Amino acid sequence: MIISSSQEQYISSLKKIKEVEEKVQKEIENHKKEVYEKIIQLDADLEKAIASANAEGENLVESSIEQSRKKAIAETEKIIEDAKTKAENISSQVTAHNAKEIIGILLKGVE
């Protein structure tokens, strides 16, 4: 069987088209693989970022709680000191007042 030149060109063209199709298909598969790997990496990075943000948030909450606790303790100590000071002032005022009354009674008794 003799193949004409136009048939040879046609067959050659079909072979070239097939080669190009295979090459393009391989490039598509390689690109899909790269994209899939990037998605996996992004997913892993996202999980790390979420874990890091959670840890940072927990640290901030703990720090805030500790600061609030220290502030509350300081305020409580100040209130207690103020109460002690007022109690001492009241005691000394009552004592001074009682002393005046006692002196007044004693002086009345002397007259």
PDB file of N, CA and C in Angstrom:
ATOM      1  N   MET A   1       0.839  -1.168   0.000  1.00  0.00           N
ATOM      2  CA  MET A   1       0.000   0.000   0.000  1.00  0.00           C
ATOM      3  C   MET A   1       0.886   1.234   0.000  1.00  0.00           C
ATOM      4  N   ILE A   2       0.545   2.083  -0.905  1.00  0.00           N
ATOM      5  CA  ILE A   2       1.324   3.300  -1.081  1.00  0.00           C
ATOM      6  C   ILE A   2       0.542   4.445  -0.443  1.00  0.00           C
ATOM      7  N   ILE A   3       1.297   5.236   0.376  1.00  0.00           N
ATOM      8  CA  ILE A   3       0.652   6.373   1.035  1.00  0.00           C
ATOM      9  C   ILE A   3       1.095   7.626   0.307  1.00  0.00           C
ATOM     10  N   SER A   4       0.122   8.417   0.016  1.00  0.00           N
ATOM     11  CA  SER A   4       0.441   9.655  -0.696  1.00  0.00           C
ATOM     12  C   SER A   4       1.036  10.687   0.248  1.00  0.00           C
ATOM     13  N   SER A   5       1.611  11.659  -0.329  1.00  0.00           N
ATOM     14  CA  SER A   5       2.264  12.705   0.450  1.00  0.00           C
ATOM     15  C   SER A   5       1.259  13.461   1.302  1.00  0.00           C
ATOM     16  N   SER A   6       0.083  13.716   0.828  1.00  0.00           N
ATOM     17  CA  SER A   6      -0.936  14.416   1.623  1.00  0.00           C
ATOM     18  C   SER A   6      -1.396  13.552   2.781  1.00  0.00           C
ATOM     19  N   GLN A   7      -1.448  12.242   2.569  1.00  0.00           N
ATOM     20  CA  GLN A   7      -1.808  11.350   3.665  1.00  0.00           C
ATOM     21  C   GLN A   7      -0.702  11.330   4.715  1.00  0.00           C
ATOM     22  N   GLU A   8       0.527  11.361   4.274  1.00  0.00           N
ATOM     23  CA  GLU A   8       1.658  11.397   5.199  1.00  0.00           C
ATOM     24  C   GLU A   8       1.641  12.684   6.014  1.00  0.00           C
ATOM     25  N   GLN A   9       1.331  13.769   5.356  1.00  0.00           N
ATOM     26  CA  GLN A   9       1.237  15.050   6.061  1.00  0.00           C
ATOM     27  C   GLN A   9       0.093  15.011   7.077  1.00  0.00           C
ATOM     28  N   TYR A  10      -1.013  14.433   6.664  1.00  0.00           N
ATOM     29  CA  TYR A  10      -2.173  14.325   7.556  1.00  0.00           C
ATOM     30  C   TYR A  10      -1.810  13.489   8.773  1.00  0.00           C
ATOM     31  N   ILE A  11      -1.168  12.333   8.535  1.00  0.00           N
ATOM     32  CA  ILE A  11      -0.756  11.454   9.634  1.00  0.00           C
ATOM     33  C   ILE A  11       0.265  12.172  10.511  1.00  0.00           C
ATOM     34  N   SER A  12       1.164  12.865   9.897  1.00  0.00           N
ATOM     35  CA  SER A  12       2.170  13.624  10.644  1.00  0.00           C
ATOM     36  C   SER A  12       1.499  14.702  11.480  1.00  0.00           C
ATOM     37  N   SER A  13       0.524  15.373  10.900  1.00  0.00           N
ATOM     38  CA  SER A  13      -0.215  16.412  11.632  1.00  0.00           C
ATOM     39  C   SER A  13      -0.958  15.812  12.811  1.00  0.00           C
ATOM     40  N   LEU A  14      -1.586  14.662  12.597  1.00  0.00           N
ATOM     41  CA  LEU A  14      -2.300  13.995  13.693  1.00  0.00           C
ATOM     42  C   LEU A  14      -1.338  13.609  14.813  1.00  0.00           C
ATOM     43  N   LYS A  15      -0.151  13.114  14.444  1.00  0.00           N
ATOM     44  CA  LYS A  15       0.847  12.744  15.440  1.00  0.00           C
ATOM     45  C   LYS A  15       1.292  13.967  16.235  1.00  0.00           C
ATOM     46  N   LYS A  16       1.507  15.084  15.524  1.00  0.00           N
ATOM     47  CA  LYS A  16       1.913  16.316  16.199  1.00  0.00           C
ATOM     48  C   LYS A  16       0.810  16.809  17.144  1.00  0.00           C
ATOM     49  N   ILE A  17      -0.434  16.729  16.667  1.00  0.00           N
ATOM     50  CA  ILE A  17      -1.565  17.140  17.512  1.00  0.00           C
ATOM     51  C   ILE A  17      -1.624  16.267  18.758  1.00  0.00           C
ATOM     52  N   LYS A  18      -1.448  14.969  18.578  1.00  0.00           N
ATOM     53  CA  LYS A  18      -1.464  14.029  19.704  1.00  0.00           C
ATOM     54  C   LYS A  18      -0.334  14.347  20.684  1.00  0.00           C
ATOM     55  N   GLU A  19       0.855  14.640  20.157  1.00  0.00           N
ATOM     56  CA  GLU A  19       1.997  14.979  21.008  1.00  0.00           C
ATOM     57  C   GLU A  19       1.712  16.256  21.809  1.00  0.00           C
ATOM     58  N   VAL A  20       1.129  17.246  21.113  1.00  0.00           N
ATOM     59  CA  VAL A  20       0.804  18.511  21.783  1.00  0.00           C
ATOM     60  C   VAL A  20      -0.255  18.266  22.853  1.00  0.00           C
ATOM     61  N   GLU A  21      -1.269  17.469  22.528  1.00  0.00           N
ATOM     62  CA  GLU A  21      -2.304  17.144  23.511  1.00  0.00           C
ATOM     63  C   GLU A  21      -1.704  16.479  24.744  1.00  0.00           C
ATOM     64  N   GLU A  22      -0.813  15.512  24.523  1.00  0.00           N
ATOM     65  CA  GLU A  22      -0.181  14.802  25.634  1.00  0.00           C
ATOM     66  C   GLU A  22       0.680  15.754  26.467  1.00  0.00           C
ATOM     67  N   LYS A  23       1.404  16.623  25.756  1.00  0.00           N
ATOM     68  CA  LYS A  23       2.242  17.594  26.462  1.00  0.00           C
ATOM     69  C   LYS A  23       1.375  18.540  27.301  1.00  0.00           C
ATOM     70  N   VAL A  24       0.297  19.037  26.711  1.00  0.00           N
ATOM     71  CA  VAL A  24      -0.609  19.945  27.432  1.00  0.00           C
ATOM     72  C   VAL A  24      -1.255  19.224  28.602  1.00  0.00           C
ATOM     73  N   GLN A  25      -1.671  17.985  28.390  1.00  0.00           N
ATOM     74  CA  GLN A  25      -2.274  17.206  29.467  1.00  0.00           C
ATOM     75  C   GLN A  25      -1.286  17.016  30.613  1.00  0.00           C
ATOM     76  N   LYS A  26      -0.038  16.748  30.276  1.00  0.00           N
ATOM     77  CA  LYS A  26       0.994  16.584  31.306  1.00  0.00           C
ATOM     78  C   LYS A  26       1.214  17.894  32.064  1.00  0.00           C
ATOM     79  N   GLU A  27       1.238  19.013  31.334  1.00  0.00           N
ATOM     80  CA  GLU A  27       1.385  20.323  31.979  1.00  0.00           C
ATOM     81  C   GLU A  27       0.203  20.611  32.907  1.00  0.00           C
ATOM     82  N   ILE A  28      -0.989  20.253  32.448  1.00  0.00           N
ATOM     83  CA  ILE A  28      -2.191  20.451  33.277  1.00  0.00           C
ATOM     84  C   ILE A  28      -2.087  19.612  34.545  1.00  0.00           C
ATOM     85  N   GLU A  29      -1.691  18.366  34.404  1.00  0.00           N
ATOM     86  CA  GLU A  29      -1.550  17.495  35.572  1.00  0.00           C
ATOM     87  C   GLU A  29      -0.480  18.018  36.534  1.00  0.00           C
ATOM     88  N   ASN A  30       0.638  18.484  35.985  1.00  0.00           N
ATOM     89  CA  ASN A  30       1.690  19.062  36.829  1.00  0.00           C
ATOM     90  C   ASN A  30       1.189  20.307  37.565  1.00  0.00           C
ATOM     91  N   HIS A  31       0.450  21.137  36.841  1.00  0.00           N
ATOM     92  CA  HIS A  31      -0.098  22.351  37.456  1.00  0.00           C
ATOM     93  C   HIS A  31      -1.105  21.993  38.553  1.00  0.00           C
ATOM     94  N   LYS A  32      -1.961  21.005  38.279  1.00  0.00           N
ATOM     95  CA  LYS A  32      -2.924  20.548  39.284  1.00  0.00           C
ATOM     96  C   LYS A  32      -2.198  20.061  40.537  1.00  0.00           C
ATOM     97  N   LYS A  33      -1.113  19.323  40.314  1.00  0.00           N
ATOM     98  CA  LYS A  33      -0.329  18.799  41.431  1.00  0.00           C
ATOM     99  C   LYS A  33       0.274  19.947  42.242  1.00  0.00           C
ATOM    100  N   GLU A  34       0.829  20.945  41.559  1.00  0.00           N
ATOM    101  CA  GLU A  34       1.405  22.105  42.237  1.00  0.00           C
ATOM    102  C   GLU A  34       0.336  22.851  43.047  1.00  0.00           C
ATOM    103  N   VAL A  35      -0.816  23.059  42.433  1.00  0.00           N
ATOM    104  CA  VAL A  35      -1.904  23.759  43.117  1.00  0.00           C
ATOM    105  C   VAL A  35      -2.356  22.963  44.337  1.00  0.00           C
ATOM    106  N   TYR A  36      -2.489  21.656  44.177  1.00  0.00           N
ATOM    107  CA  TYR A  36      -2.900  20.797  45.287  1.00  0.00           C
ATOM    108  C   TYR A  36      -1.880  20.884  46.426  1.00  0.00           C
ATOM    109  N   GLU A  37      -0.592  20.849  46.095  1.00  0.00           N
ATOM    110  CA  GLU A  37       0.456  20.948  47.114  1.00  0.00           C
ATOM    111  C   GLU A  37       0.423  22.312  47.807  1.00  0.00           C
ATOM    112  N   LYS A  38       0.155  23.364  47.031  1.00  0.00           N
ATOM    113  CA  LYS A  38       0.044  24.705  47.620  1.00  0.00           C
ATOM    114  C   LYS A  38      -1.157  24.775  48.566  1.00  0.00           C
ATOM    115  N   ILE A  39      -2.249  24.167  48.169  1.00  0.00           N
ATOM    116  CA  ILE A  39      -3.444  24.147  49.029  1.00  0.00           C
ATOM    117  C   ILE A  39      -3.138  23.425  50.332  1.00  0.00           C
ATOM    118  N   ILE A  40      -2.450  22.293  50.237  1.00  0.00           N
ATOM    119  CA  ILE A  40      -2.073  21.546  51.438  1.00  0.00           C
ATOM    120  C   ILE A  40      -1.182  22.406  52.334  1.00  0.00           C
ATOM    121  N   GLN A  41      -0.206  23.096  51.723  1.00  0.00           N
ATOM    122  CA  GLN A  41       0.699  23.958  52.502  1.00  0.00           C
ATOM    123  C   GLN A  41      -0.064  25.112  53.138  1.00  0.00           C
ATOM    124  N   LEU A  42      -0.963  25.728  52.366  1.00  0.00           N
ATOM    125  CA  LEU A  42      -1.765  26.828  52.913  1.00  0.00           C
ATOM    126  C   LEU A  42      -2.647  26.352  54.056  1.00  0.00           C
ATOM    127  N   ASP A  43      -3.200  25.167  53.918  1.00  0.00           N
ATOM    128  CA  ASP A  43      -4.027  24.594  54.982  1.00  0.00           C
ATOM    129  C   ASP A  43      -3.200  24.385  56.243  1.00  0.00           C
ATOM    130  N   ALA A  44      -1.994  23.849  56.074  1.00  0.00           N
ATOM    131  CA  ALA A  44      -1.105  23.640  57.229  1.00  0.00           C
ATOM    132  C   ALA A  44      -0.721  24.983  57.852  1.00  0.00           C
ATOM    133  N   ASP A  45      -0.405  25.962  57.015  1.00  0.00           N
ATOM    134  CA  ASP A  45      -0.065  27.301  57.524  1.00  0.00           C
ATOM    135  C   ASP A  45      -1.250  27.920  58.268  1.00  0.00           C
ATOM    136  N   LEU A  46      -2.440  27.723  57.724  1.00  0.00           N
ATOM    137  CA  LEU A  46      -3.644  28.253  58.364  1.00  0.00           C
ATOM    138  C   LEU A  46      -3.861  27.611  59.731  1.00  0.00           C
ATOM    139  N   GLU A  47      -3.687  26.301  59.808  1.00  0.00           N
ATOM    140  CA  GLU A  47      -3.830  25.613  61.090  1.00  0.00           C
ATOM    141  C   GLU A  47      -2.816  26.129  62.101  1.00  0.00           C
ATOM    142  N   LYS A  48      -1.569  26.343  61.648  1.00  0.00           N
ATOM    143  CA  LYS A  48      -0.540  26.882  62.541  1.00  0.00           C
ATOM    144  C   LYS A  48      -0.921  28.290  63.004  1.00  0.00           C
ATOM    145  N   ALA A  49      -1.416  29.108  62.073  1.00  0.00           N
ATOM    146  CA  ALA A  49      -1.796  30.478  62.418  1.00  0.00           C
ATOM    147  C   ALA A  49      -2.946  30.488  63.417  1.00  0.00           C
ATOM    148  N   ILE A  50      -3.910  29.592  63.223  1.00  0.00           N
ATOM    149  CA  ILE A  50      -5.045  29.504  64.145  1.00  0.00           C
ATOM    150  C   ILE A  50      -4.566  29.067  65.523  1.00  0.00           C
ATOM    151  N   ALA A  51      -3.705  28.061  65.565  1.00  0.00           N
ATOM    152  CA  ALA A  51      -3.170  27.588  66.845  1.00  0.00           C
ATOM    153  C   ALA A  51      -2.375  28.691  67.535  1.00  0.00           C
ATOM    154  N   SER A  52      -1.587  29.405  66.768  1.00  0.00           N
ATOM    155  CA  SER A  52      -0.796  30.504  67.324  1.00  0.00           C
ATOM    156  C   SER A  52      -1.708  31.613  67.854  1.00  0.00           C
ATOM    157  N   ALA A  53      -2.739  31.951  67.097  1.00  0.00           N
ATOM    158  CA  ALA A  53      -3.685  32.993  67.532  1.00  0.00           C
ATOM    159  C   ALA A  53      -4.421  32.557  68.790  1.00  0.00           C
ATOM    160  N   ASN A  54      -4.807  31.280  68.858  1.00  0.00           N
ATOM    161  CA  ASN A  54      -5.471  30.774  70.055  1.00  0.00           C
ATOM    162  C   ASN A  54      -4.551  30.869  71.263  1.00  0.00           C
ATOM    163  N   ALA A  55      -3.309  30.456  71.090  1.00  0.00           N
ATOM    164  CA  ALA A  55      -2.342  30.506  72.198  1.00  0.00           C
ATOM    165  C   ALA A  55      -2.116  31.950  72.637  1.00  0.00           C
ATOM    166  N   GLU A  56      -1.979  32.839  71.665  1.00  0.00           N
ATOM    167  CA  GLU A  56      -1.773  34.252  71.994  1.00  0.00           C
ATOM    168  C   GLU A  56      -2.994  34.815  72.714  1.00  0.00           C
ATOM    169  N   GLY A  57      -4.178  34.442  72.250  1.00  0.00           N
ATOM    170  CA  GLY A  57      -5.413  34.894  72.903  1.00  0.00           C
ATOM    171  C   GLY A  57      -5.503  34.394  74.332  1.00  0.00           C
ATOM    172  N   GLU A  58      -5.161  33.118  74.535  1.00  0.00           N
ATOM    173  CA  GLU A  58      -5.186  32.564  75.885  1.00  0.00           C
ATOM    174  C   GLU A  58      -4.176  33.285  76.782  1.00  0.00           C
ATOM    175  N   ASN A  59      -2.996  33.569  76.245  1.00  0.00           N
ATOM    176  CA  ASN A  59      -1.986  34.298  77.020  1.00  0.00           C
ATOM    177  C   ASN A  59      -2.477  35.701  77.382  1.00  0.00           C
ATOM    178  N   LEU A  60      -3.133  36.356  76.430  1.00  0.00           N
ATOM    179  CA  LEU A  60      -3.665  37.694  76.707  1.00  0.00           C
ATOM    180  C   LEU A  60      -4.748  37.643  77.786  1.00  0.00           C
ATOM    181  N   VAL A  61      -5.606  36.631  77.718  1.00  0.00           N
ATOM    182  CA  VAL A  61      -6.659  36.484  78.726  1.00  0.00           C
ATOM    183  C   VAL A  61      -6.039  36.234  80.095  1.00  0.00           C
ATOM    184  N   GLU A  62      -5.061  35.309  80.143  1.00  0.00           N
ATOM    185  CA  GLU A  62      -4.394  35.012  81.415  1.00  0.00           C
ATOM    186  C   GLU A  62      -3.695  36.250  81.958  1.00  0.00           C
ATOM    187  N   SER A  63      -3.035  36.993  81.086  1.00  0.00           N
ATOM    188  CA  SER A  63      -2.339  38.212  81.501  1.00  0.00           C
ATOM    189  C   SER A  63      -3.335  39.242  82.020  1.00  0.00           C
ATOM    190  N   SER A  64      -4.440  39.379  81.326  1.00  0.00           N
ATOM    191  CA  SER A  64      -5.475  40.327  81.738  1.00  0.00           C
ATOM    192  C   SER A  64      -6.065  39.933  83.089  1.00  0.00           C
ATOM    193  N   ILE A  65      -6.301  38.641  83.279  1.00  0.00           N
ATOM    194  CA  ILE A  65      -6.829  38.157  84.555  1.00  0.00           C
ATOM    195  C   ILE A  65      -5.830  38.437  85.674  1.00  0.00           C
ATOM    196  N   GLU A  66      -4.555  38.178  85.410  1.00  0.00           N
ATOM    197  CA  GLU A  66      -3.511  38.413  86.416  1.00  0.00           C
ATOM    198  C   GLU A  66      -3.420  39.898  86.757  1.00  0.00           C
ATOM    199  N   GLN A  67      -3.473  40.753  85.762  1.00  0.00           N
ATOM    200  CA  GLN A  67      -3.427  42.193  86.007  1.00  0.00           C
ATOM    201  C   GLN A  67      -4.646  42.643  86.808  1.00  0.00           C
ATOM    202  N   SER A  68      -5.806  42.119  86.453  1.00  0.00           N
ATOM    203  CA  SER A  68      -7.031  42.468  87.177  1.00  0.00           C
ATOM    204  C   SER A  68      -6.958  41.994  88.625  1.00  0.00           C
ATOM    205  N   ARG A  69      -6.410  40.793  88.836  1.00  0.00           N
ATOM    206  CA  ARG A  69      -6.267  40.251  90.180  1.00  0.00           C
ATOM    207  C   ARG A  69      -5.342  41.140  91.006  1.00  0.00           C
ATOM    208  N   LYS A  70      -4.196  41.523  90.428  1.00  0.00           N
ATOM    209  CA  LYS A  70      -3.255  42.391  91.139  1.00  0.00           C
ATOM    210  C   LYS A  70      -3.887  43.738  91.465  1.00  0.00           C
ATOM    211  N   LYS A  71      -4.635  44.282  90.514  1.00  0.00           N
ATOM    212  CA  LYS A  71      -5.297  45.569  90.735  1.00  0.00           C
ATOM    213  C   LYS A  71      -6.339  45.443  91.841  1.00  0.00           C
ATOM    214  N   ALA A  72      -7.097  44.350  91.824  1.00  0.00           N
ATOM    215  CA  ALA A  72      -8.110  44.137  92.860  1.00  0.00           C
ATOM    216  C   ALA A  72      -7.465  43.989  94.232  1.00  0.00           C
ATOM    217  N   ILE A  73      -6.341  43.265  94.290  1.00  0.00           N
ATOM    218  CA  ILE A  73      -5.632  43.095  95.569  1.00  0.00           C
ATOM    219  C   ILE A  73      -5.136  44.450  96.068  1.00  0.00           C
ATOM    220  N   ALA A  74      -4.571  45.257  95.183  1.00  0.00           N
ATOM    221  CA  ALA A  74      -4.072  46.578  95.567  1.00  0.00           C
ATOM    222  C   ALA A  74      -5.214  47.460  96.074  1.00  0.00           C
ATOM    223  N   GLU A  75      -6.342  47.436  95.367  1.00  0.00           N
ATOM    224  CA  GLU A  75      -7.496  48.228  95.793  1.00  0.00           C
ATOM    225  C   GLU A  75      -8.029  47.732  97.132  1.00  0.00           C
ATOM    226  N   THR A  76      -8.055  46.408  97.312  1.00  0.00           N
ATOM    227  CA  THR A  76      -8.526  45.840  98.588  1.00  0.00           C
ATOM    228  C   THR A  76      -7.612  46.261  99.730  1.00  0.00           C
ATOM    229  N   GLU A  77      -6.299  46.187  99.497  1.00  0.00           N
ATOM    230  CA  GLU A  77      -5.344  46.595 100.533  1.00  0.00           C
ATOM    231  C   GLU A  77      -5.510  48.074 100.878  1.00  0.00           C
ATOM    232  N   LYS A  78      -5.752  48.901  99.869  1.00  0.00           N
ATOM    233  CA  LYS A  78      -5.959  50.333 100.112  1.00  0.00           C
ATOM    234  C   LYS A  78      -7.224  50.552 100.936  1.00  0.00           C
ATOM    235  N   ILE A  79      -8.293  49.841 100.595  1.00  0.00           N
ATOM    236  CA  ILE A  79      -9.552  49.974 101.344  1.00  0.00           C
ATOM    237  C   ILE A  79      -9.347  49.543 102.789  1.00  0.00           C
ATOM    238  N   ILE A  80      -8.612  48.450 102.991  1.00  0.00           N
ATOM    239  CA  ILE A  80      -8.349  47.959 104.350  1.00  0.00           C
ATOM    240  C   ILE A  80      -7.529  48.986 105.133  1.00  0.00           C
ATOM    241  N   GLU A  81      -6.498  49.549 104.501  1.00  0.00           N
ATOM    242  CA  GLU A  81      -5.669  50.566 105.164  1.00  0.00           C
ATOM    243  C   GLU A  81      -6.503  51.800 105.506  1.00  0.00           C
ATOM    244  N   ASP A  82      -7.353  52.223 104.577  1.00  0.00           N
ATOM    245  CA  ASP A  82      -8.235  53.368 104.852  1.00  0.00           C
ATOM    246  C   ASP A  82      -9.167  53.061 106.017  1.00  0.00           C
ATOM    247  N   ALA A  83      -9.701  51.839 106.030  1.00  0.00           N
ATOM    248  CA  ALA A  83     -10.604  51.443 107.112  1.00  0.00           C
ATOM    249  C   ALA A  83      -9.866  51.428 108.451  1.00  0.00           C
ATOM    250  N   LYS A  84      -8.627  50.922 108.467  1.00  0.00           N
ATOM    251  CA  LYS A  84      -7.825  50.915 109.702  1.00  0.00           C
ATOM    252  C   LYS A  84      -7.577  52.335 110.191  1.00  0.00           C
ATOM    253  N   THR A  85      -7.211  53.208 109.253  1.00  0.00           N
ATOM    254  CA  THR A  85      -6.943  54.608 109.606  1.00  0.00           C
ATOM    255  C   THR A  85      -8.193  55.258 110.175  1.00  0.00           C
ATOM    256  N   LYS A  86      -9.327  55.046 109.527  1.00  0.00           N
ATOM    257  CA  LYS A  86     -10.589  55.626 110.018  1.00  0.00           C
ATOM    258  C   LYS A  86     -10.961  55.040 111.371  1.00  0.00           C
ATOM    259  N   ALA A  87     -10.740  53.734 111.549  1.00  0.00           N
ATOM    260  CA  ALA A  87     -11.049  53.093 112.827  1.00  0.00           C
ATOM    261  C   ALA A  87     -10.178  53.670 113.935  1.00  0.00           C
ATOM    262  N   GLU A  88      -8.895  53.871 113.632  1.00  0.00           N
ATOM    263  CA  GLU A  88      -7.997  54.466 114.630  1.00  0.00           C
ATOM    264  C   GLU A  88      -8.419  55.887 114.954  1.00  0.00           C
ATOM    265  N   ASN A  89      -8.811  56.654 113.942  1.00  0.00           N
ATOM    266  CA  ASN A  89      -9.255  58.028 114.171  1.00  0.00           C
ATOM    267  C   ASN A  89     -10.524  58.052 115.017  1.00  0.00           C
ATOM    268  N   ILE A  90     -11.430  57.132 114.704  1.00  0.00           N
ATOM    269  CA  ILE A  90     -12.676  57.067 115.477  1.00  0.00           C
ATOM    270  C   ILE A  90     -12.368  56.673 116.915  1.00  0.00           C
ATOM    271  N   SER A  91     -11.489  55.703 117.106  1.00  0.00           N
ATOM    272  CA  SER A  91     -11.113  55.270 118.451  1.00  0.00           C
ATOM    273  C   SER A  91     -10.484  56.418 119.220  1.00  0.00           C
ATOM    274  N   SER A  92      -9.588  57.135 118.575  1.00  0.00           N
ATOM    275  CA  SER A  92      -8.927  58.236 119.275  1.00  0.00           C
ATOM    276  C   SER A  92      -9.904  59.369 119.539  1.00  0.00           C
ATOM    277  N   GLN A  93     -10.859  59.601 118.652  1.00  0.00           N
ATOM    278  CA  GLN A  93     -11.863  60.633 118.880  1.00  0.00           C
ATOM    279  C   GLN A  93     -12.772  60.245 120.028  1.00  0.00           C
ATOM    280  N   VAL A  94     -13.174  58.991 120.047  1.00  0.00           N
ATOM    281  CA  VAL A  94     -14.035  58.530 121.148  1.00  0.00           C
ATOM    282  C   VAL A  94     -13.271  58.630 122.458  1.00  0.00           C
ATOM    283  N   THR A  95     -12.017  58.237 122.435  1.00  0.00           N
ATOM    284  CA  THR A  95     -11.199  58.299 123.640  1.00  0.00           C
ATOM    285  C   THR A  95     -11.042  59.748 124.091  1.00  0.00           C
ATOM    286  N   ALA A  96     -10.777  60.641 123.178  1.00  0.00           N
ATOM    287  CA  ALA A  96     -10.647  62.061 123.522  1.00  0.00           C
ATOM    288  C   ALA A  96     -11.974  62.597 124.038  1.00  0.00           C
ATOM    289  N   HIS A  97     -13.040  62.199 123.397  1.00  0.00           N
ATOM    290  CA  HIS A  97     -14.371  62.649 123.830  1.00  0.00           C
ATOM    291  C   HIS A  97     -14.681  62.108 125.223  1.00  0.00           C
ATOM    292  N   ASN A  98     -14.388  60.814 125.424  1.00  0.00           N
ATOM    293  CA  ASN A  98     -14.603  60.211 126.757  1.00  0.00           C
ATOM    294  C   ASN A  98     -13.727  60.891 127.796  1.00  0.00           C
ATOM    295  N   ALA A  99     -12.523  61.211 127.413  1.00  0.00           N
ATOM    296  CA  ALA A  99     -11.615  61.880 128.351  1.00  0.00           C
ATOM    297  C   ALA A  99     -12.173  63.233 128.761  1.00  0.00           C
ATOM    298  N   LYS A 100     -12.718  63.961 127.825  1.00  0.00           N
ATOM    299  CA  LYS A 100     -13.309  65.268 128.137  1.00  0.00           C
ATOM    300  C   LYS A 100     -14.485  65.106 129.093  1.00  0.00           C
ATOM    301  N   GLU A 101     -15.312  64.096 128.831  1.00  0.00           N
ATOM    302  CA  GLU A 101     -16.456  63.847 129.712  1.00  0.00           C
ATOM    303  C   GLU A 101     -15.995  63.478 131.122  1.00  0.00           C
ATOM    304  N   ILE A 102     -14.969  62.617 131.154  1.00  0.00           N
ATOM    305  CA  ILE A 102     -14.441  62.203 132.463  1.00  0.00           C
ATOM    306  C   ILE A 102     -13.864  63.412 133.186  1.00  0.00           C
ATOM    307  N   ILE A 103     -13.118  64.226 132.507  1.00  0.00           N
ATOM    308  CA  ILE A 103     -12.547  65.428 133.134  1.00  0.00           C
ATOM    309  C   ILE A 103     -13.667  66.365 133.585  1.00  0.00           C
ATOM    310  N   GLY A 104     -14.680  66.471 132.731  1.00  0.00           N
ATOM    311  CA  GLY A 104     -15.828  67.330 133.095  1.00  0.00           C
ATOM    312  C   GLY A 104     -16.507  66.794 134.343  1.00  0.00           C
ATOM    313  N   ILE A 105     -16.698  65.496 134.457  1.00  0.00           N
ATOM    314  CA  ILE A 105     -17.343  64.890 135.640  1.00  0.00           C
ATOM    315  C   ILE A 105     -16.457  65.103 136.862  1.00  0.00           C
ATOM    316  N   LEU A 106     -15.182  64.902 136.693  1.00  0.00           N
ATOM    317  CA  LEU A 106     -14.241  65.072 137.810  1.00  0.00           C
ATOM    318  C   LEU A 106     -14.226  66.538 138.297  1.00  0.00           C
ATOM    319  N   LEU A 107     -14.219  67.435 137.323  1.00  0.00           N
ATOM    320  CA  LEU A 107     -14.212  68.840 137.703  1.00  0.00           C
ATOM    321  C   LEU A 107     -15.512  69.249 138.391  1.00  0.00           C
ATOM    322  N   LYS A 108     -16.629  68.687 138.032  1.00  0.00           N
ATOM    323  CA  LYS A 108     -17.910  68.955 138.685  1.00  0.00           C
ATOM    324  C   LYS A 108     -17.881  68.424 140.099  1.00  0.00           C
ATOM    325  N   GLY A 109     -17.248  67.278 140.232  1.00  0.00           N
ATOM    326  CA  GLY A 109     -17.161  66.671 141.568  1.00  0.00           C
ATOM    327  C   GLY A 109     -16.274  67.487 142.489  1.00  0.00           C
ATOM    328  N   VAL A 110     -15.319  68.191 141.991  1.00  0.00           N
ATOM    329  CA  VAL A 110     -14.384  68.986 142.787  1.00  0.00           C
ATOM    330  C   VAL A 110     -15.064  70.276 143.219  1.00  0.00           C
ATOM    331  N   GLU A 111     -15.943  70.785 142.481  1.00  0.00           N
ATOM    332  CA  GLU A 111     -16.566  72.067 142.782  1.00  0.00           C
ATOM    333  C   GLU A 111     -17.498  71.961 143.901  1.00  0.00           C
TER     334      GLU A 111
END
